[in-house]
């Protein structure tokens, strides 16, 4: 949703308009003599991508496929 406001009105209500943009997720087009000069829009935070977040944090110290020389019994 985009709304237009004159620069003089924006100056008088700046703090309230910034709160409205954040809370209502609207975009304000600020005009000077009817000509658009600036846009005030809410910041869209990007979600954190967890895919690959732990890349490079683990190391392989030995062969993880080869059998070990320790005898063990599985409980059944």
C-alpha atoms as a PDB file:
ATOM      1  CA  UNK A   1       0.000   0.000   0.000  1.00  0.00           C
ATOM      2  CA  UNK A   2       1.473   3.358  -1.047  1.00  0.00           C
ATOM      3  CA  UNK A   3       0.410   6.716   0.285  1.00  0.00           C
ATOM      4  CA  UNK A   4       1.504  10.189  -0.767  1.00  0.00           C
ATOM      5  CA  UNK A   5       2.250  13.061   1.595  1.00  0.00           C
ATOM      6  CA  UNK A   6       3.567  16.593   1.078  1.00  0.00           C
ATOM      7  CA  UNK A   7       7.022  17.366   2.480  1.00  0.00           C
ATOM      8  CA  UNK A   8       5.623  20.001   4.857  1.00  0.00           C
ATOM      9  CA  UNK A   9       3.124  17.570   6.345  1.00  0.00           C
ATOM     10  CA  UNK A  10       5.815  14.914   6.579  1.00  0.00           C
ATOM     11  CA  UNK A  11       8.079  17.304   8.474  1.00  0.00           C
ATOM     12  CA  UNK A  12       5.334  18.098  10.984  1.00  0.00           C
ATOM     13  CA  UNK A  13       4.371  14.432  11.580  1.00  0.00           C
ATOM     14  CA  UNK A  14       7.670  12.656  10.881  1.00  0.00           C
ATOM     15  CA  UNK A  15       7.922  10.475  14.013  1.00  0.00           C
ATOM     16  CA  UNK A  16       4.301   9.341  13.878  1.00  0.00           C
ATOM     17  CA  UNK A  17       4.581   8.585  10.158  1.00  0.00           C
ATOM     18  CA  UNK A  18       7.706   6.477  10.738  1.00  0.00           C
ATOM     19  CA  UNK A  19       5.810   4.460  13.359  1.00  0.00           C
ATOM     20  CA  UNK A  20       2.900   4.000  10.929  1.00  0.00           C
ATOM     21  CA  UNK A  21       5.245   2.781   8.188  1.00  0.00           C
ATOM     22  CA  UNK A  22       6.792   0.233  10.550  1.00  0.00           C
ATOM     23  CA  UNK A  23       3.586  -0.987  12.209  1.00  0.00           C
ATOM     24  CA  UNK A  24       1.221  -0.945   9.214  1.00  0.00           C
ATOM     25  CA  UNK A  25       3.839  -1.941   6.582  1.00  0.00           C
ATOM     26  CA  UNK A  26       2.929   0.926   4.277  1.00  0.00           C
ATOM     27  CA  UNK A  27       5.134   2.932   1.926  1.00  0.00           C
ATOM     28  CA  UNK A  28       5.050   6.731   1.943  1.00  0.00           C
ATOM     29  CA  UNK A  29       5.910   8.781  -1.124  1.00  0.00           C
ATOM     30  CA  UNK A  30       7.035  12.255  -0.038  1.00  0.00           C
ATOM     31  CA  UNK A  31       6.344  15.017  -2.540  1.00  0.00           C
ATOM     32  CA  UNK A  32       7.555  18.576  -2.958  1.00  0.00           C
ATOM     33  CA  UNK A  33       5.193  20.754  -4.997  1.00  0.00           C
ATOM     34  CA  UNK A  34       3.467  17.573  -6.198  1.00  0.00           C
ATOM     35  CA  UNK A  35       6.676  15.960  -7.481  1.00  0.00           C
ATOM     36  CA  UNK A  36       7.791  12.744  -5.751  1.00  0.00           C
ATOM     37  CA  UNK A  37      11.215  13.233  -4.152  1.00  0.00           C
ATOM     38  CA  UNK A  38      11.589  10.458  -1.563  1.00  0.00           C
ATOM     39  CA  UNK A  39      10.126   7.166  -0.434  1.00  0.00           C
ATOM     40  CA  UNK A  40       9.833   5.913   3.150  1.00  0.00           C
ATOM     41  CA  UNK A  41       9.388   2.138   3.300  1.00  0.00           C
ATOM     42  CA  UNK A  42       9.567  -0.456   6.080  1.00  0.00           C
ATOM     43  CA  UNK A  43      12.673  -2.603   6.317  1.00  0.00           C
ATOM     44  CA  UNK A  44      11.972  -6.163   5.255  1.00  0.00           C
ATOM     45  CA  UNK A  45      14.260  -8.407   7.280  1.00  0.00           C
ATOM     46  CA  UNK A  46      15.394 -11.509   5.436  1.00  0.00           C
ATOM     47  CA  UNK A  47      14.922 -14.818   7.234  1.00  0.00           C
ATOM     48  CA  UNK A  48      18.089 -16.608   8.299  1.00  0.00           C
ATOM     49  CA  UNK A  49      18.981 -19.475   5.980  1.00  0.00           C
ATOM     50  CA  UNK A  50      20.169 -22.413   8.096  1.00  0.00           C
ATOM     51  CA  UNK A  51      21.183 -24.546   5.110  1.00  0.00           C
ATOM     52  CA  UNK A  52      24.960 -24.826   5.256  1.00  0.00           C
ATOM     53  CA  UNK A  53      25.230 -22.796   8.465  1.00  0.00           C
ATOM     54  CA  UNK A  54      27.617 -25.318  10.064  1.00  0.00           C
ATOM     55  CA  UNK A  55      29.791 -25.759   6.979  1.00  0.00           C
ATOM     56  CA  UNK A  56      33.451 -25.971   7.926  1.00  0.00           C
ATOM     57  CA  UNK A  57      32.849 -26.470  11.650  1.00  0.00           C
ATOM     58  CA  UNK A  58      33.481 -30.245  11.787  1.00  0.00           C
ATOM     59  CA  UNK A  59      36.631 -32.126  10.870  1.00  0.00           C
ATOM     60  CA  UNK A  60      37.235 -35.803  10.105  1.00  0.00           C
ATOM     61  CA  UNK A  61      40.231 -37.066  12.080  1.00  0.00           C
ATOM     62  CA  UNK A  62      40.382 -40.626  10.684  1.00  0.00           C
ATOM     63  CA  UNK A  63      38.671 -43.087   8.369  1.00  0.00           C
ATOM     64  CA  UNK A  64      35.029 -43.112   9.485  1.00  0.00           C
ATOM     65  CA  UNK A  65      34.087 -46.143   7.356  1.00  0.00           C
ATOM     66  CA  UNK A  66      36.783 -48.647   8.365  1.00  0.00           C
ATOM     67  CA  UNK A  67      35.891 -51.133  11.131  1.00  0.00           C
ATOM     68  CA  UNK A  68      37.262 -50.530  14.603  1.00  0.00           C
ATOM     69  CA  UNK A  69      39.321 -53.070  16.544  1.00  0.00           C
ATOM     70  CA  UNK A  70      37.123 -52.917  19.626  1.00  0.00           C
ATOM     71  CA  UNK A  71      34.865 -55.912  20.390  1.00  0.00           C
ATOM     72  CA  UNK A  72      31.282 -55.057  21.281  1.00  0.00           C
ATOM     73  CA  UNK A  73      27.986 -56.763  21.737  1.00  0.00           C
ATOM     74  CA  UNK A  74      24.619 -55.467  20.764  1.00  0.00           C
ATOM     75  CA  UNK A  75      21.809 -55.942  23.233  1.00  0.00           C
ATOM     76  CA  UNK A  76      18.832 -57.687  21.754  1.00  0.00           C
END
